[in-house]
Amino acid sequence: MRIYVEFIGPIQRGEWAQKQDFAVEQGTLLGDFLVSIGFLREHLGHIIVVRNDSITRDLETCLEEGDRLALSVLLGGG
C-alpha cells in the first residue's frame, strides 16, 4: 500500500524528498514506519505527526492505504 509523507521545517529527512510517497506493508505501525525511514525510536517523542489533518501521538496505530502524514519537530525559543 502507499502513503504520502511531507517533511515540514527543519526535520532531518535523510535521503528522502520533502514530499514523497512510500510503499509500506499492510499492518505497518506508525512508529515502526518512522524508524524504517531513519528516525531513532528514542527520538520519536519529539516528532510532531499530523495524520490525515489530525495530530496523533499514537505510534501504535496502523497505517492505512492513502494516509497523509506531515512530520515536523518541536521547536523551542522565546
PDB file of N, CA and C in Angstrom:
ATOM      1  N   MET A   1       0.846  -1.169   0.000  1.00  0.00           N
ATOM      2  CA  MET A   1       0.000   0.000   0.000  1.00  0.00           C
ATOM      3  C   MET A   1       0.891   1.231   0.000  1.00  0.00           C
ATOM      4  N   ARG A   2       0.316   2.377  -0.308  1.00  0.00           N
ATOM      5  CA  ARG A   2       1.089   3.610  -0.420  1.00  0.00           C
ATOM      6  C   ARG A   2       0.561   4.662   0.552  1.00  0.00           C
ATOM      7  N   ILE A   3       1.518   5.417   1.119  1.00  0.00           N
ATOM      8  CA  ILE A   3       1.183   6.570   1.945  1.00  0.00           C
ATOM      9  C   ILE A   3       1.973   7.770   1.415  1.00  0.00           C
ATOM     10  N   TYR A   4       1.537   8.950   1.756  1.00  0.00           N
ATOM     11  CA  TYR A   4       2.167  10.188   1.322  1.00  0.00           C
ATOM     12  C   TYR A   4       2.735  10.889   2.549  1.00  0.00           C
ATOM     13  N   VAL A   5       4.003  11.308   2.469  1.00  0.00           N
ATOM     14  CA  VAL A   5       4.657  11.947   3.602  1.00  0.00           C
ATOM     15  C   VAL A   5       5.240  13.283   3.167  1.00  0.00           C
ATOM     16  N   GLU A   6       5.026  14.300   4.008  1.00  0.00           N
ATOM     17  CA  GLU A   6       5.634  15.610   3.793  1.00  0.00           C
ATOM     18  C   GLU A   6       6.453  15.949   5.038  1.00  0.00           C
ATOM     19  N   PHE A   7       7.711  16.325   4.821  1.00  0.00           N
ATOM     20  CA  PHE A   7       8.602  16.744   5.897  1.00  0.00           C
ATOM     21  C   PHE A   7       8.542  18.263   5.967  1.00  0.00           C
ATOM     22  N   ILE A   8       8.183  18.803   7.126  1.00  0.00           N
ATOM     23  CA  ILE A   8       7.953  20.239   7.266  1.00  0.00           C
ATOM     24  C   ILE A   8       9.004  20.846   8.199  1.00  0.00           C
ATOM     25  N   GLY A   9       9.589  21.945   7.776  1.00  0.00           N
ATOM     26  CA  GLY A   9      10.549  22.661   8.620  1.00  0.00           C
ATOM     27  C   GLY A   9      11.898  21.968   8.695  1.00  0.00           C
ATOM     28  N   PRO A  10      12.590  22.163   9.827  1.00  0.00           N
ATOM     29  CA  PRO A  10      13.977  21.698   9.942  1.00  0.00           C
ATOM     30  C   PRO A  10      14.142  20.223  10.321  1.00  0.00           C
ATOM     31  N   ILE A  11      13.138  19.411  10.134  1.00  0.00           N
ATOM     32  CA  ILE A  11      13.250  17.991  10.487  1.00  0.00           C
ATOM     33  C   ILE A  11      14.264  17.312   9.557  1.00  0.00           C
ATOM     34  N   GLN A  12      15.086  16.430  10.126  1.00  0.00           N
ATOM     35  CA  GLN A  12      16.038  15.662   9.333  1.00  0.00           C
ATOM     36  C   GLN A  12      15.263  14.681   8.460  1.00  0.00           C
ATOM     37  N   ARG A  13      15.531  14.679   7.171  1.00  0.00           N
ATOM     38  CA  ARG A  13      14.800  13.746   6.311  1.00  0.00           C
ATOM     39  C   ARG A  13      15.710  12.803   5.552  1.00  0.00           C
ATOM     40  N   GLY A  14      17.005  12.837   5.854  1.00  0.00           N
ATOM     41  CA  GLY A  14      17.922  11.894   5.217  1.00  0.00           C
ATOM     42  C   GLY A  14      17.879  12.014   3.709  1.00  0.00           C
ATOM     43  N   GLU A  15      17.740  10.893   3.043  1.00  0.00           N
ATOM     44  CA  GLU A  15      17.755  10.848   1.580  1.00  0.00           C
ATOM     45  C   GLU A  15      16.387  11.128   0.945  1.00  0.00           C
ATOM     46  N   TRP A  16      15.380  11.350   1.758  1.00  0.00           N
ATOM     47  CA  TRP A  16      14.018  11.483   1.240  1.00  0.00           C
ATOM     48  C   TRP A  16      13.744  12.896   0.730  1.00  0.00           C
ATOM     49  N   ALA A  17      12.893  13.001  -0.265  1.00  0.00           N
ATOM     50  CA  ALA A  17      12.444  14.293  -0.779  1.00  0.00           C
ATOM     51  C   ALA A  17      11.537  14.954   0.256  1.00  0.00           C
ATOM     52  N   GLN A  18      11.316  16.249   0.132  1.00  0.00           N
ATOM     53  CA  GLN A  18      10.452  16.961   1.085  1.00  0.00           C
ATOM     54  C   GLN A  18       9.032  16.407   1.058  1.00  0.00           C
ATOM     55  N   LYS A  19       8.566  16.022  -0.101  1.00  0.00           N
ATOM     56  CA  LYS A  19       7.247  15.396  -0.257  1.00  0.00           C
ATOM     57  C   LYS A  19       7.470  14.112  -1.030  1.00  0.00           C
ATOM     58  N   GLN A  20       6.998  12.999  -0.474  1.00  0.00           N
ATOM     59  CA  GLN A  20       7.294  11.716  -1.108  1.00  0.00           C
ATOM     60  C   GLN A  20       6.243  10.678  -0.764  1.00  0.00           C
ATOM     61  N   ASP A  21       5.980   9.791  -1.720  1.00  0.00           N
ATOM     62  CA  ASP A  21       5.149   8.612  -1.479  1.00  0.00           C
ATOM     63  C   ASP A  21       6.044   7.484  -0.979  1.00  0.00           C
ATOM     64  N   PHE A  22       5.502   6.656  -0.103  1.00  0.00           N
ATOM     65  CA  PHE A  22       6.218   5.486   0.395  1.00  0.00           C
ATOM     66  C   PHE A  22       5.340   4.263   0.231  1.00  0.00           C
ATOM     67  N   ALA A  23       5.956   3.149  -0.117  1.00  0.00           N
ATOM     68  CA  ALA A  23       5.263   1.863  -0.126  1.00  0.00           C
ATOM     69  C   ALA A  23       5.494   1.229   1.236  1.00  0.00           C
ATOM     70  N   VAL A  24       4.419   0.836   1.908  1.00  0.00           N
ATOM     71  CA  VAL A  24       4.520   0.172   3.212  1.00  0.00           C
ATOM     72  C   VAL A  24       3.649  -1.080   3.199  1.00  0.00           C
ATOM     73  N   GLU A  25       4.019  -2.016   4.035  1.00  0.00           N
ATOM     74  CA  GLU A  25       3.247  -3.255   4.164  1.00  0.00           C
ATOM     75  C   GLU A  25       1.970  -3.000   4.952  1.00  0.00           C
ATOM     76  N   GLN A  26       0.920  -3.709   4.598  1.00  0.00           N
ATOM     77  CA  GLN A  26      -0.324  -3.663   5.364  1.00  0.00           C
ATOM     78  C   GLN A  26      -0.015  -4.011   6.810  1.00  0.00           C
ATOM     79  N   GLY A  27      -0.555  -3.275   7.760  1.00  0.00           N
ATOM     80  CA  GLY A  27      -0.348  -3.541   9.172  1.00  0.00           C
ATOM     81  C   GLY A  27       0.867  -2.841   9.774  1.00  0.00           C
ATOM     82  N   THR A  28       1.560  -2.009   8.982  1.00  0.00           N
ATOM     83  CA  THR A  28       2.717  -1.284   9.499  1.00  0.00           C
ATOM     84  C   THR A  28       2.271  -0.258  10.539  1.00  0.00           C
ATOM     85  N   LEU A  29       2.934  -0.279  11.679  1.00  0.00           N
ATOM     86  CA  LEU A  29       2.636   0.690  12.736  1.00  0.00           C
ATOM     87  C   LEU A  29       3.350   2.006  12.447  1.00  0.00           C
ATOM     88  N   LEU A  30       2.735   3.110  12.837  1.00  0.00           N
ATOM     89  CA  LEU A  30       3.310   4.429  12.605  1.00  0.00           C
ATOM     90  C   LEU A  30       4.730   4.522  13.156  1.00  0.00           C
ATOM     91  N   GLY A  31       4.947   4.106  14.390  1.00  0.00           N
ATOM     92  CA  GLY A  31       6.277   4.170  14.990  1.00  0.00           C
ATOM     93  C   GLY A  31       7.297   3.351  14.227  1.00  0.00           C
ATOM     94  N   ASP A  32       6.903   2.159  13.787  1.00  0.00           N
ATOM     95  CA  ASP A  32       7.813   1.311  13.019  1.00  0.00           C
ATOM     96  C   ASP A  32       8.159   1.957  11.675  1.00  0.00           C
ATOM     97  N   PHE A  33       7.183   2.605  11.051  1.00  0.00           N
ATOM     98  CA  PHE A  33       7.460   3.302   9.798  1.00  0.00           C
ATOM     99  C   PHE A  33       8.487   4.408  10.015  1.00  0.00           C
ATOM    100  N   LEU A  34       8.305   5.203  11.077  1.00  0.00           N
ATOM    101  CA  LEU A  34       9.240   6.304  11.340  1.00  0.00           C
ATOM    102  C   LEU A  34      10.658   5.773  11.558  1.00  0.00           C
ATOM    103  N   VAL A  35      10.781   4.672  12.267  1.00  0.00           N
ATOM    104  CA  VAL A  35      12.102   4.060  12.460  1.00  0.00           C
ATOM    105  C   VAL A  35      12.648   3.570  11.128  1.00  0.00           C
ATOM    106  N   SER A  36      11.797   3.003  10.281  1.00  0.00           N
ATOM    107  CA  SER A  36      12.255   2.465   8.997  1.00  0.00           C
ATOM    108  C   SER A  36      12.789   3.543   8.054  1.00  0.00           C
ATOM    109  N   ILE A  37      12.370   4.799   8.257  1.00  0.00           N
ATOM    110  CA  ILE A  37      12.885   5.865   7.388  1.00  0.00           C
ATOM    111  C   ILE A  37      14.020   6.643   8.055  1.00  0.00           C
ATOM    112  N   GLY A  38      14.527   6.121   9.177  1.00  0.00           N
ATOM    113  CA  GLY A  38      15.753   6.662   9.726  1.00  0.00           C
ATOM    114  C   GLY A  38      15.699   7.361  11.067  1.00  0.00           C
ATOM    115  N   PHE A  39      14.525   7.464  11.674  1.00  0.00           N
ATOM    116  CA  PHE A  39      14.443   8.116  12.973  1.00  0.00           C
ATOM    117  C   PHE A  39      14.738   7.107  14.082  1.00  0.00           C
ATOM    118  N   LEU A  40      15.438   7.553  15.124  1.00  0.00           N
ATOM    119  CA  LEU A  40      15.711   6.697  16.272  1.00  0.00           C
ATOM    120  C   LEU A  40      14.466   6.589  17.142  1.00  0.00           C
ATOM    121  N   ARG A  41      14.194   5.378  17.598  1.00  0.00           N
ATOM    122  CA  ARG A  41      12.977   5.158  18.389  1.00  0.00           C
ATOM    123  C   ARG A  41      12.929   6.091  19.605  1.00  0.00           C
ATOM    124  N   GLU A  42      14.080   6.357  20.223  1.00  0.00           N
ATOM    125  CA  GLU A  42      14.084   7.220  21.406  1.00  0.00           C
ATOM    126  C   GLU A  42      13.829   8.688  21.073  1.00  0.00           C
ATOM    127  N   HIS A  43      13.849   9.053  19.800  1.00  0.00           N
ATOM    128  CA  HIS A  43      13.575  10.430  19.390  1.00  0.00           C
ATOM    129  C   HIS A  43      12.145  10.637  18.885  1.00  0.00           C
ATOM    130  N   LEU A  44      11.374   9.579  18.779  1.00  0.00           N
ATOM    131  CA  LEU A  44      10.035   9.692  18.183  1.00  0.00           C
ATOM    132  C   LEU A  44       9.111  10.614  18.970  1.00  0.00           C
ATOM    133  N   GLY A  45       9.329  10.743  20.259  1.00  0.00           N
ATOM    134  CA  GLY A  45       8.505  11.623  21.081  1.00  0.00           C
ATOM    135  C   GLY A  45       8.683  13.093  20.754  1.00  0.00           C
ATOM    136  N   HIS A  46       9.724  13.420  20.008  1.00  0.00           N
ATOM    137  CA  HIS A  46      10.000  14.809  19.638  1.00  0.00           C
ATOM    138  C   HIS A  46       9.473  15.159  18.241  1.00  0.00           C
ATOM    139  N   ILE A  47       8.886  14.186  17.578  1.00  0.00           N
ATOM    140  CA  ILE A  47       8.364  14.401  16.231  1.00  0.00           C
ATOM    141  C   ILE A  47       6.865  14.666  16.312  1.00  0.00           C
ATOM    142  N   ILE A  48       6.444  15.728  15.673  1.00  0.00           N
ATOM    143  CA  ILE A  48       5.013  16.019  15.571  1.00  0.00           C
ATOM    144  C   ILE A  48       4.511  15.317  14.317  1.00  0.00           C
ATOM    145  N   VAL A  49       3.505  14.466  14.490  1.00  0.00           N
ATOM    146  CA  VAL A  49       2.939  13.726  13.363  1.00  0.00           C
ATOM    147  C   VAL A  49       1.498  14.188  13.163  1.00  0.00           C
ATOM    148  N   VAL A  50       1.225  14.689  11.976  1.00  0.00           N
ATOM    149  CA  VAL A  50      -0.146  15.013  11.586  1.00  0.00           C
ATOM    150  C   VAL A  50      -0.551  13.954  10.569  1.00  0.00           C
ATOM    151  N   ARG A  51      -1.563  13.183  10.934  1.00  0.00           N
ATOM    152  CA  ARG A  51      -2.050  12.101  10.063  1.00  0.00           C
ATOM    153  C   ARG A  51      -3.440  12.475   9.580  1.00  0.00           C
ATOM    154  N   ASN A  52      -3.563  12.638   8.285  1.00  0.00           N
ATOM    155  CA  ASN A  52      -4.853  12.978   7.681  1.00  0.00           C
ATOM    156  C   ASN A  52      -5.484  14.189   8.373  1.00  0.00           C
ATOM    157  N   ASP A  53      -4.683  15.229   8.552  1.00  0.00           N
ATOM    158  CA  ASP A  53      -5.104  16.526   9.087  1.00  0.00           C
ATOM    159  C   ASP A  53      -5.366  16.553  10.590  1.00  0.00           C
ATOM    160  N   SER A  54      -4.972  15.505  11.331  1.00  0.00           N
ATOM    161  CA  SER A  54      -5.134  15.490  12.791  1.00  0.00           C
ATOM    162  C   SER A  54      -3.823  15.073  13.445  1.00  0.00           C
ATOM    163  N   ILE A  55      -3.427  15.816  14.482  1.00  0.00           N
ATOM    164  CA  ILE A  55      -2.211  15.452  15.214  1.00  0.00           C
ATOM    165  C   ILE A  55      -2.454  14.133  15.931  1.00  0.00           C
ATOM    166  N   THR A  56      -1.469  13.244  15.871  1.00  0.00           N
ATOM    167  CA  THR A  56      -1.554  11.975  16.598  1.00  0.00           C
ATOM    168  C   THR A  56      -0.269  11.749  17.377  1.00  0.00           C
ATOM    169  N   ARG A  57      -0.402  11.169  18.559  1.00  0.00           N
ATOM    170  CA  ARG A  57       0.745  10.762  19.372  1.00  0.00           C
ATOM    171  C   ARG A  57       0.782   9.237  19.470  1.00  0.00           C
ATOM    172  N   ASP A  58      -0.189   8.566  18.844  1.00  0.00           N
ATOM    173  CA  ASP A  58      -0.316   7.113  18.938  1.00  0.00           C
ATOM    174  C   ASP A  58       0.581   6.432  17.902  1.00  0.00           C
ATOM    175  N   LEU A  59       1.789   6.073  18.331  1.00  0.00           N
ATOM    176  CA  LEU A  59       2.743   5.439  17.427  1.00  0.00           C
ATOM    177  C   LEU A  59       2.413   3.971  17.182  1.00  0.00           C
ATOM    178  N   GLU A  60       1.403   3.447  17.887  1.00  0.00           N
ATOM    179  CA  GLU A  60       0.984   2.058  17.715  1.00  0.00           C
ATOM    180  C   GLU A  60      -0.176   1.917  16.732  1.00  0.00           C
ATOM    181  N   THR A  61      -0.600   3.022  16.135  1.00  0.00           N
ATOM    182  CA  THR A  61      -1.695   2.964  15.165  1.00  0.00           C
ATOM    183  C   THR A  61      -1.195   2.372  13.853  1.00  0.00           C
ATOM    184  N   CYS A  62      -2.041   1.593  13.193  1.00  0.00           N
ATOM    185  CA  CYS A  62      -1.688   1.009  11.897  1.00  0.00           C
ATOM    186  C   CYS A  62      -1.922   2.028  10.796  1.00  0.00           C
ATOM    187  N   LEU A  63      -0.937   2.134   9.925  1.00  0.00           N
ATOM    188  CA  LEU A  63      -1.106   2.998   8.759  1.00  0.00           C
ATOM    189  C   LEU A  63      -2.077   2.343   7.788  1.00  0.00           C
ATOM    190  N   GLU A  64      -2.771   3.183   7.020  1.00  0.00           N
ATOM    191  CA  GLU A  64      -3.756   2.682   6.063  1.00  0.00           C
ATOM    192  C   GLU A  64      -3.472   3.247   4.682  1.00  0.00           C
ATOM    193  N   GLU A  65      -3.929   2.549   3.674  1.00  0.00           N
ATOM    194  CA  GLU A  65      -3.766   2.985   2.290  1.00  0.00           C
ATOM    195  C   GLU A  65      -4.192   4.434   2.131  1.00  0.00           C
ATOM    196  N   GLY A  66      -3.323   5.243   1.530  1.00  0.00           N
ATOM    197  CA  GLY A  66      -3.663   6.630   1.245  1.00  0.00           C
ATOM    198  C   GLY A  66      -3.446   7.601   2.387  1.00  0.00           C
ATOM    199  N   ASP A  67      -2.964   7.120   3.544  1.00  0.00           N
ATOM    200  CA  ASP A  67      -2.703   8.046   4.653  1.00  0.00           C
ATOM    201  C   ASP A  67      -1.782   9.163   4.193  1.00  0.00           C
ATOM    202  N   ARG A  68      -2.024  10.359   4.739  1.00  0.00           N
ATOM    203  CA  ARG A  68      -1.170  11.529   4.506  1.00  0.00           C
ATOM    204  C   ARG A  68      -0.553  11.909   5.836  1.00  0.00           C
ATOM    205  N   LEU A  69       0.775  11.882   5.885  1.00  0.00           N
ATOM    206  CA  LEU A  69       1.497  12.254   7.099  1.00  0.00           C
ATOM    207  C   LEU A  69       2.277  13.528   6.856  1.00  0.00           C
ATOM    208  N   ALA A  70       2.256  14.425   7.818  1.00  0.00           N
ATOM    209  CA  ALA A  70       3.114  15.608   7.828  1.00  0.00           C
ATOM    210  C   ALA A  70       3.971  15.473   9.076  1.00  0.00           C
ATOM    211  N   LEU A  71       5.286  15.535   8.905  1.00  0.00           N
ATOM    212  CA  LEU A  71       6.222  15.339  10.012  1.00  0.00           C
ATOM    213  C   LEU A  71       7.006  16.610  10.254  1.00  0.00           C
ATOM    214  N   SER A  72       7.108  17.005  11.524  1.00  0.00           N
ATOM    215  CA  SER A  72       7.925  18.151  11.892  1.00  0.00           C
ATOM    216  C   SER A  72       8.455  17.905  13.300  1.00  0.00           C
ATOM    217  N   VAL A  73       9.303  18.809  13.786  1.00  0.00           N
ATOM    218  CA  VAL A  73       9.878  18.662  15.120  1.00  0.00           C
ATOM    219  C   VAL A  73       9.441  19.805  16.014  1.00  0.00           C
ATOM    220  N   LEU A  74       9.460  19.515  17.309  1.00  0.00           N
ATOM    221  CA  LEU A  74       9.159  20.550  18.293  1.00  0.00           C
ATOM    222  C   LEU A  74      10.310  21.557  18.318  1.00  0.00           C
ATOM    223  N   LEU A  75       9.979  22.828  18.326  1.00  0.00           N
ATOM    224  CA  LEU A  75      10.993  23.877  18.413  1.00  0.00           C
ATOM    225  C   LEU A  75      10.731  24.712  19.652  1.00  0.00           C
ATOM    226  N   GLY A  76      11.805  25.108  20.282  1.00  0.00           N
ATOM    227  CA  GLY A  76      11.672  25.974  21.447  1.00  0.00           C
ATOM    228  C   GLY A  76      12.248  27.335  21.149  1.00  0.00           C
ATOM    229  N   GLY A  77      12.016  28.225  22.025  1.00  0.00           N
ATOM    230  CA  GLY A  77      12.561  29.578  21.849  1.00  0.00           C
ATOM    231  C   GLY A  77      11.741  30.564  22.653  1.00  0.00           C
ATOM    232  N   GLY A  78      12.110  31.793  22.531  1.00  0.00           N
ATOM    233  CA  GLY A  78      11.303  32.743  23.269  1.00  0.00           C
ATOM    234  C   GLY A  78      11.869  34.113  23.309  1.00  0.00           C
TER     235      GLY A  78
END
